Amino acid sequence: MSKPNFDAMTKAELCAYVIAHQDDQEAFYALVDRLTAKPPSGTYPASMTPEEIHKAILDIIQQKQRCLRRAAPTQDSEKTA
């Protein structure tokens, strides 16, 4: 079986892969390297209203939740495994 190209994966794809393949240390280290190499900015322009900042934060949270939902095994697949 060929090894996946972690550099070609998006951050969300790599996150999903790591969750699905928790024993793959190389994938885990690739994700950690990617996350620490370019951490997300935690600042917002002064021109943004508190409501706009709140919406931006909620969008980020929802994006992370979608990533986790896609990566989480379904109950049906756990029963057949």
PDB file of N, CA and C in Angstrom:
ATOM      1  N   MET A   1       0.845  -1.173   0.000  1.00  0.00           N
ATOM      2  CA  MET A   1       0.000   0.000   0.000  1.00  0.00           C
ATOM      3  C   MET A   1       0.894   1.241   0.000  1.00  0.00           C
ATOM      4  N   SER A   2       0.574   2.204  -0.860  1.00  0.00           N
ATOM      5  CA  SER A   2       1.411   3.396  -0.949  1.00  0.00           C
ATOM      6  C   SER A   2       1.094   4.369   0.187  1.00  0.00           C
ATOM      7  N   LYS A   3       2.109   5.112   0.560  1.00  0.00           N
ATOM      8  CA  LYS A   3       1.982   6.073   1.655  1.00  0.00           C
ATOM      9  C   LYS A   3       1.327   7.352   1.128  1.00  0.00           C
ATOM     10  N   PRO A   4       0.368   7.933   1.859  1.00  0.00           N
ATOM     11  CA  PRO A   4      -0.276   9.166   1.411  1.00  0.00           C
ATOM     12  C   PRO A   4       0.711  10.334   1.383  1.00  0.00           C
ATOM     13  N   ASN A   5       0.456  11.280   0.493  1.00  0.00           N
ATOM     14  CA  ASN A   5       1.283  12.480   0.394  1.00  0.00           C
ATOM     15  C   ASN A   5       0.677  13.541   1.308  1.00  0.00           C
ATOM     16  N   PHE A   6       1.221  13.688   2.499  1.00  0.00           N
ATOM     17  CA  PHE A   6       0.667  14.620   3.476  1.00  0.00           C
ATOM     18  C   PHE A   6       0.810  16.068   3.025  1.00  0.00           C
ATOM     19  N   ASP A   7       1.862  16.363   2.264  1.00  0.00           N
ATOM     20  CA  ASP A   7       2.065  17.729   1.780  1.00  0.00           C
ATOM     21  C   ASP A   7       0.974  18.151   0.800  1.00  0.00           C
ATOM     22  N   ALA A   8       0.405  17.192   0.082  1.00  0.00           N
ATOM     23  CA  ALA A   8      -0.632  17.504  -0.900  1.00  0.00           C
ATOM     24  C   ALA A   8      -2.011  17.647  -0.257  1.00  0.00           C
ATOM     25  N   MET A   9      -2.151  17.199   0.988  1.00  0.00           N
ATOM     26  CA  MET A   9      -3.448  17.276   1.673  1.00  0.00           C
ATOM     27  C   MET A   9      -3.685  18.677   2.226  1.00  0.00           C
ATOM     28  N   THR A  10      -4.959  19.069   2.253  1.00  0.00           N
ATOM     29  CA  THR A  10      -5.308  20.307   2.939  1.00  0.00           C
ATOM     30  C   THR A  10      -5.212  20.053   4.438  1.00  0.00           C
ATOM     31  N   LYS A  11      -5.243  21.115   5.214  1.00  0.00           N
ATOM     32  CA  LYS A  11      -5.184  20.952   6.666  1.00  0.00           C
ATOM     33  C   LYS A  11      -6.374  20.130   7.155  1.00  0.00           C
ATOM     34  N   ALA A  12      -7.559  20.382   6.592  1.00  0.00           N
ATOM     35  CA  ALA A  12      -8.751  19.632   6.996  1.00  0.00           C
ATOM     36  C   ALA A  12      -8.621  18.157   6.625  1.00  0.00           C
ATOM     37  N   GLU A  13      -8.093  17.869   5.435  1.00  0.00           N
ATOM     38  CA  GLU A  13      -7.905  16.479   5.017  1.00  0.00           C
ATOM     39  C   GLU A  13      -6.891  15.772   5.912  1.00  0.00           C
ATOM     40  N   LEU A  14      -5.816  16.468   6.231  1.00  0.00           N
ATOM     41  CA  LEU A  14      -4.788  15.879   7.093  1.00  0.00           C
ATOM     42  C   LEU A  14      -5.338  15.637   8.493  1.00  0.00           C
ATOM     43  N   CYS A  15      -6.124  16.579   8.988  1.00  0.00           N
ATOM     44  CA  CYS A  15      -6.772  16.416  10.297  1.00  0.00           C
ATOM     45  C   CYS A  15      -7.667  15.181  10.287  1.00  0.00           C
ATOM     46  N   ALA A  16      -8.472  15.044   9.253  1.00  0.00           N
ATOM     47  CA  ALA A  16      -9.369  13.892   9.143  1.00  0.00           C
ATOM     48  C   ALA A  16      -8.575  12.590   9.043  1.00  0.00           C
ATOM     49  N   TYR A  17      -7.474  12.612   8.300  1.00  0.00           N
ATOM     50  CA  TYR A  17      -6.642  11.420   8.155  1.00  0.00           C
ATOM     51  C   TYR A  17      -6.052  11.004   9.503  1.00  0.00           C
ATOM     52  N   VAL A  18      -5.552  11.987  10.248  1.00  0.00           N
ATOM     53  CA  VAL A  18      -4.945  11.686  11.552  1.00  0.00           C
ATOM     54  C   VAL A  18      -5.984  11.097  12.501  1.00  0.00           C
ATOM     55  N   ILE A  19      -7.188  11.631  12.482  1.00  0.00           N
ATOM     56  CA  ILE A  19      -8.238  11.103  13.354  1.00  0.00           C
ATOM     57  C   ILE A  19      -8.610   9.680  12.947  1.00  0.00           C
ATOM     58  N   ALA A  20      -8.656   9.429  11.649  1.00  0.00           N
ATOM     59  CA  ALA A  20      -9.020   8.096  11.163  1.00  0.00           C
ATOM     60  C   ALA A  20      -7.885   7.082  11.312  1.00  0.00           C
ATOM     61  N   HIS A  21      -6.636   7.566  11.343  1.00  0.00           N
ATOM     62  CA  HIS A  21      -5.463   6.683  11.431  1.00  0.00           C
ATOM     63  C   HIS A  21      -4.616   7.097  12.637  1.00  0.00           C
ATOM     64  N   GLN A  22      -5.149   6.907  13.820  1.00  0.00           N
ATOM     65  CA  GLN A  22      -4.507   7.396  15.034  1.00  0.00           C
ATOM     66  C   GLN A  22      -3.177   6.720  15.334  1.00  0.00           C
ATOM     67  N   ASP A  23      -2.892   5.608  14.699  1.00  0.00           N
ATOM     68  CA  ASP A  23      -1.619   4.930  14.938  1.00  0.00           C
ATOM     69  C   ASP A  23      -0.522   5.394  13.977  1.00  0.00           C
ATOM     70  N   ASP A  24      -0.838   6.283  13.048  1.00  0.00           N
ATOM     71  CA  ASP A  24       0.133   6.772  12.068  1.00  0.00           C
ATOM     72  C   ASP A  24       0.875   7.978  12.638  1.00  0.00           C
ATOM     73  N   GLN A  25       2.039   7.722  13.229  1.00  0.00           N
ATOM     74  CA  GLN A  25       2.814   8.797  13.856  1.00  0.00           C
ATOM     75  C   GLN A  25       3.334   9.799  12.837  1.00  0.00           C
ATOM     76  N   GLU A  26       3.689   9.330  11.658  1.00  0.00           N
ATOM     77  CA  GLU A  26       4.195  10.240  10.627  1.00  0.00           C
ATOM     78  C   GLU A  26       3.121  11.263  10.237  1.00  0.00           C
ATOM     79  N   ALA A  27       1.880  10.813  10.127  1.00  0.00           N
ATOM     80  CA  ALA A  27       0.779  11.727   9.801  1.00  0.00           C
ATOM     81  C   ALA A  27       0.561  12.716  10.940  1.00  0.00           C
ATOM     82  N   PHE A  28       0.630  12.221  12.172  1.00  0.00           N
ATOM     83  CA  PHE A  28       0.459  13.095  13.331  1.00  0.00           C
ATOM     84  C   PHE A  28       1.521  14.191  13.343  1.00  0.00           C
ATOM     85  N   TYR A  29       2.777  13.806  13.129  1.00  0.00           N
ATOM     86  CA  TYR A  29       3.857  14.797  13.127  1.00  0.00           C
ATOM     87  C   TYR A  29       3.720  15.772  11.958  1.00  0.00           C
ATOM     88  N   ALA A  30       3.239  15.295  10.819  1.00  0.00           N
ATOM     89  CA  ALA A  30       3.015  16.189   9.675  1.00  0.00           C
ATOM     90  C   ALA A  30       1.949  17.227  10.018  1.00  0.00           C
ATOM     91  N   LEU A  31       0.895  16.800  10.718  1.00  0.00           N
ATOM     92  CA  LEU A  31      -0.157  17.736  11.124  1.00  0.00           C
ATOM     93  C   LEU A  31       0.371  18.739  12.140  1.00  0.00           C
ATOM     94  N   VAL A  32       1.111  18.264  13.132  1.00  0.00           N
ATOM     95  CA  VAL A  32       1.673  19.167  14.138  1.00  0.00           C
ATOM     96  C   VAL A  32       2.613  20.174  13.482  1.00  0.00           C
ATOM     97  N   ASP A  33       3.455  19.700  12.568  1.00  0.00           N
ATOM     98  CA  ASP A  33       4.356  20.613  11.858  1.00  0.00           C
ATOM     99  C   ASP A  33       3.571  21.675  11.098  1.00  0.00           C
ATOM    100  N   ARG A  34       2.504  21.251  10.451  1.00  0.00           N
ATOM    101  CA  ARG A  34       1.703  22.201   9.680  1.00  0.00           C
ATOM    102  C   ARG A  34       1.023  23.218  10.590  1.00  0.00           C
ATOM    103  N   LEU A  35       0.507  22.757  11.723  1.00  0.00           N
ATOM    104  CA  LEU A  35      -0.197  23.659  12.638  1.00  0.00           C
ATOM    105  C   LEU A  35       0.749  24.644  13.311  1.00  0.00           C
ATOM    106  N   THR A  36       1.953  24.205  13.633  1.00  0.00           N
ATOM    107  CA  THR A  36       2.886  25.100  14.314  1.00  0.00           C
ATOM    108  C   THR A  36       3.648  25.992  13.345  1.00  0.00           C
ATOM    109  N   ALA A  37       3.752  25.589  12.090  1.00  0.00           N
ATOM    110  CA  ALA A  37       4.479  26.391  11.110  1.00  0.00           C
ATOM    111  C   ALA A  37       3.724  27.665  10.748  1.00  0.00           C
ATOM    112  N   LYS A  38       2.417  27.593  10.734  1.00  0.00           N
ATOM    113  CA  LYS A  38       1.617  28.744  10.327  1.00  0.00           C
ATOM    114  C   LYS A  38       0.386  28.828  11.233  1.00  0.00           C
ATOM    115  N   PRO A  39       0.577  29.266  12.467  1.00  0.00           N
ATOM    116  CA  PRO A  39      -0.571  29.331  13.369  1.00  0.00           C
ATOM    117  C   PRO A  39      -1.581  30.366  12.882  1.00  0.00           C
ATOM    118  N   PRO A  40      -2.858  30.118  13.124  1.00  0.00           N
ATOM    119  CA  PRO A  40      -3.871  31.074  12.688  1.00  0.00           C
ATOM    120  C   PRO A  40      -3.752  32.380  13.459  1.00  0.00           C
ATOM    121  N   SER A  41      -4.071  33.437  12.785  1.00  0.00           N
ATOM    122  CA  SER A  41      -4.030  34.751  13.413  1.00  0.00           C
ATOM    123  C   SER A  41      -5.193  34.880  14.388  1.00  0.00           C
ATOM    124  N   GLY A  42      -4.931  35.436  15.540  1.00  0.00           N
ATOM    125  CA  GLY A  42      -5.980  35.631  16.533  1.00  0.00           C
ATOM    126  C   GLY A  42      -6.398  37.075  16.657  1.00  0.00           C
ATOM    127  N   THR A  43      -5.978  37.905  15.704  1.00  0.00           N
ATOM    128  CA  THR A  43      -6.328  39.318  15.776  1.00  0.00           C
ATOM    129  C   THR A  43      -7.328  39.667  14.684  1.00  0.00           C
ATOM    130  N   TYR A  44      -8.101  40.683  14.946  1.00  0.00           N
ATOM    131  CA  TYR A  44      -9.100  41.162  14.000  1.00  0.00           C
ATOM    132  C   TYR A  44      -8.926  42.665  13.843  1.00  0.00           C
ATOM    133  N   PRO A  45      -9.225  43.200  12.662  1.00  0.00           N
ATOM    134  CA  PRO A  45      -9.056  44.634  12.451  1.00  0.00           C
ATOM    135  C   PRO A  45      -9.928  45.450  13.401  1.00  0.00           C
ATOM    136  N   ALA A  46      -9.434  46.601  13.785  1.00  0.00           N
ATOM    137  CA  ALA A  46     -10.172  47.461  14.711  1.00  0.00           C
ATOM    138  C   ALA A  46     -11.500  47.914  14.128  1.00  0.00           C
ATOM    139  N   SER A  47     -11.619  47.882  12.807  1.00  0.00           N
ATOM    140  CA  SER A  47     -12.859  48.331  12.171  1.00  0.00           C
ATOM    141  C   SER A  47     -13.995  47.320  12.305  1.00  0.00           C
ATOM    142  N   MET A  48     -13.676  46.092  12.730  1.00  0.00           N
ATOM    143  CA  MET A  48     -14.732  45.081  12.888  1.00  0.00           C
ATOM    144  C   MET A  48     -15.532  45.352  14.148  1.00  0.00           C
ATOM    145  N   THR A  49     -16.838  45.169  14.030  1.00  0.00           N
ATOM    146  CA  THR A  49     -17.702  45.321  15.199  1.00  0.00           C
ATOM    147  C   THR A  49     -17.611  44.050  16.035  1.00  0.00           C
ATOM    148  N   PRO A  50     -17.996  44.114  17.296  1.00  0.00           N
ATOM    149  CA  PRO A  50     -18.005  42.894  18.112  1.00  0.00           C
ATOM    150  C   PRO A  50     -18.871  41.791  17.494  1.00  0.00           C
ATOM    151  N   GLU A  51     -19.960  42.165  16.848  1.00  0.00           N
ATOM    152  CA  GLU A  51     -20.828  41.174  16.204  1.00  0.00           C
ATOM    153  C   GLU A  51     -20.108  40.483  15.043  1.00  0.00           C
ATOM    154  N   GLU A  52     -19.327  41.247  14.273  1.00  0.00           N
ATOM    155  CA  GLU A  52     -18.575  40.666  13.162  1.00  0.00           C
ATOM    156  C   GLU A  52     -17.483  39.726  13.670  1.00  0.00           C
ATOM    157  N   ILE A  53     -16.835  40.108  14.741  1.00  0.00           N
ATOM    158  CA  ILE A  53     -15.809  39.247  15.342  1.00  0.00           C
ATOM    159  C   ILE A  53     -16.450  37.969  15.869  1.00  0.00           C
ATOM    160  N   HIS A  54     -17.584  38.096  16.527  1.00  0.00           N
ATOM    161  CA  HIS A  54     -18.314  36.936  17.052  1.00  0.00           C
ATOM    162  C   HIS A  54     -18.669  35.984  15.908  1.00  0.00           C
ATOM    163  N   LYS A  55     -19.170  36.523  14.801  1.00  0.00           N
ATOM    164  CA  LYS A  55     -19.527  35.695  13.649  1.00  0.00           C
ATOM    165  C   LYS A  55     -18.285  35.012  13.074  1.00  0.00           C
ATOM    166  N   ALA A  56     -17.175  35.730  12.979  1.00  0.00           N
ATOM    167  CA  ALA A  56     -15.939  35.147  12.451  1.00  0.00           C
ATOM    168  C   ALA A  56     -15.475  33.980  13.321  1.00  0.00           C
ATOM    169  N   ILE A  57     -15.564  34.143  14.623  1.00  0.00           N
ATOM    170  CA  ILE A  57     -15.160  33.074  15.546  1.00  0.00           C
ATOM    171  C   ILE A  57     -16.093  31.873  15.417  1.00  0.00           C
ATOM    172  N   LEU A  58     -17.401  32.133  15.329  1.00  0.00           N
ATOM    173  CA  LEU A  58     -18.358  31.036  15.154  1.00  0.00           C
ATOM    174  C   LEU A  58     -18.103  30.287  13.847  1.00  0.00           C
ATOM    175  N   ASP A  59     -17.756  31.000  12.791  1.00  0.00           N
ATOM    176  CA  ASP A  59     -17.445  30.355  11.514  1.00  0.00           C
ATOM    177  C   ASP A  59     -16.248  29.418  11.651  1.00  0.00           C
ATOM    178  N   ILE A  60     -15.229  29.848  12.379  1.00  0.00           N
ATOM    179  CA  ILE A  60     -14.046  29.009  12.595  1.00  0.00           C
ATOM    180  C   ILE A  60     -14.418  27.758  13.393  1.00  0.00           C
ATOM    181  N   ILE A  61     -15.222  27.934  14.430  1.00  0.00           N
ATOM    182  CA  ILE A  61     -15.653  26.793  15.250  1.00  0.00           C
ATOM    183  C   ILE A  61     -16.449  25.806  14.410  1.00  0.00           C
ATOM    184  N   GLN A  62     -17.378  26.309  13.595  1.00  0.00           N
ATOM    185  CA  GLN A  62     -18.190  25.428  12.750  1.00  0.00           C
ATOM    186  C   GLN A  62     -17.331  24.683  11.735  1.00  0.00           C
ATOM    187  N   GLN A  63     -16.324  25.348  11.193  1.00  0.00           N
ATOM    188  CA  GLN A  63     -15.425  24.700  10.244  1.00  0.00           C
ATOM    189  C   GLN A  63     -14.684  23.546  10.923  1.00  0.00           C
ATOM    190  N   LYS A  64     -14.207  23.759  12.133  1.00  0.00           N
ATOM    191  CA  LYS A  64     -13.500  22.705  12.859  1.00  0.00           C
ATOM    192  C   LYS A  64     -14.443  21.552  13.205  1.00  0.00           C
ATOM    193  N   GLN A  65     -15.693  21.870  13.558  1.00  0.00           N
ATOM    194  CA  GLN A  65     -16.663  20.824  13.871  1.00  0.00           C
ATOM    195  C   GLN A  65     -16.973  19.978  12.640  1.00  0.00           C
ATOM    196  N   ARG A  66     -17.081  20.617  11.468  1.00  0.00           N
ATOM    197  CA  ARG A  66     -17.328  19.866  10.233  1.00  0.00           C
ATOM    198  C   ARG A  66     -16.170  18.915   9.957  1.00  0.00           C
ATOM    199  N   CYS A  67     -14.965  19.369  10.193  1.00  0.00           N
ATOM    200  CA  CYS A  67     -13.785  18.528   9.994  1.00  0.00           C
ATOM    201  C   CYS A  67     -13.849  17.302  10.907  1.00  0.00           C
ATOM    202  N   LEU A  68     -14.196  17.530  12.154  1.00  0.00           N
ATOM    203  CA  LEU A  68     -14.265  16.420  13.106  1.00  0.00           C
ATOM    204  C   LEU A  68     -15.396  15.461  12.769  1.00  0.00           C
ATOM    205  N   ARG A  69     -16.551  15.987  12.332  1.00  0.00           N
ATOM    206  CA  ARG A  69     -17.679  15.125  11.975  1.00  0.00           C
ATOM    207  C   ARG A  69     -17.341  14.241  10.782  1.00  0.00           C
ATOM    208  N   ARG A  70     -16.639  14.810   9.797  1.00  0.00           N
ATOM    209  CA  ARG A  70     -16.265  14.018   8.620  1.00  0.00           C
ATOM    210  C   ARG A  70     -15.280  12.927   9.002  1.00  0.00           C
ATOM    211  N   ALA A  71     -14.429  13.209   9.954  1.00  0.00           N
ATOM    212  CA  ALA A  71     -13.384  12.260  10.326  1.00  0.00           C
ATOM    213  C   ALA A  71     -13.871  11.202  11.304  1.00  0.00           C
ATOM    214  N   ALA A  72     -14.923  11.502  12.041  1.00  0.00           N
ATOM    215  CA  ALA A  72     -15.415  10.564  13.055  1.00  0.00           C
ATOM    216  C   ALA A  72     -16.078   9.370  12.380  1.00  0.00           C
ATOM    217  N   PRO A  73     -15.760   8.169  12.833  1.00  0.00           N
ATOM    218  CA  PRO A  73     -16.419   6.991  12.257  1.00  0.00           C
ATOM    219  C   PRO A  73     -17.887   6.968  12.641  1.00  0.00           C
ATOM    220  N   THR A  74     -18.708   6.493  11.728  1.00  0.00           N
ATOM    221  CA  THR A  74     -20.134   6.387  12.026  1.00  0.00           C
ATOM    222  C   THR A  74     -20.377   5.161  12.877  1.00  0.00           C
ATOM    223  N   GLN A  75     -21.516   5.114  13.520  1.00  0.00           N
ATOM    224  CA  GLN A  75     -21.833   3.969  14.374  1.00  0.00           C
ATOM    225  C   GLN A  75     -21.975   2.700  13.546  1.00  0.00           C
ATOM    226  N   ASP A  76     -22.509   2.818  12.318  1.00  0.00           N
ATOM    227  CA  ASP A  76     -22.670   1.644  11.469  1.00  0.00           C
ATOM    228  C   ASP A  76     -21.329   1.030  11.104  1.00  0.00           C
ATOM    229  N   SER A  77     -20.329   1.875  10.794  1.00  0.00           N
ATOM    230  CA  SER A  77     -19.025   1.335  10.416  1.00  0.00           C
ATOM    231  C   SER A  77     -18.326   0.702  11.614  1.00  0.00           C
ATOM    232  N   GLU A  78     -18.613   1.191  12.824  1.00  0.00           N
ATOM    233  CA  GLU A  78     -18.019   0.583  14.014  1.00  0.00           C
ATOM    234  C   GLU A  78     -18.604  -0.799  14.258  1.00  0.00           C
ATOM    235  N   LYS A  79     -19.905  -0.982  13.958  1.00  0.00           N
ATOM    236  CA  LYS A  79     -20.550  -2.270  14.188  1.00  0.00           C
ATOM    237  C   LYS A  79     -20.046  -3.333  13.225  1.00  0.00           C
ATOM    238  N   THR A  80     -19.706  -2.916  11.990  1.00  0.00           N
ATOM    239  CA  THR A  80     -19.258  -3.884  11.001  1.00  0.00           C
ATOM    240  C   THR A  80     -17.775  -4.172  11.098  1.00  0.00           C
ATOM    241  N   ALA A  81     -17.044  -3.344  11.822  1.00  0.00           N
ATOM    242  CA  ALA A  81     -15.583  -3.524  11.920  1.00  0.00           C
ATOM    243  C   ALA A  81     -15.226  -4.602  12.906  1.00  0.00           C
TER     244      ALA A  81
END
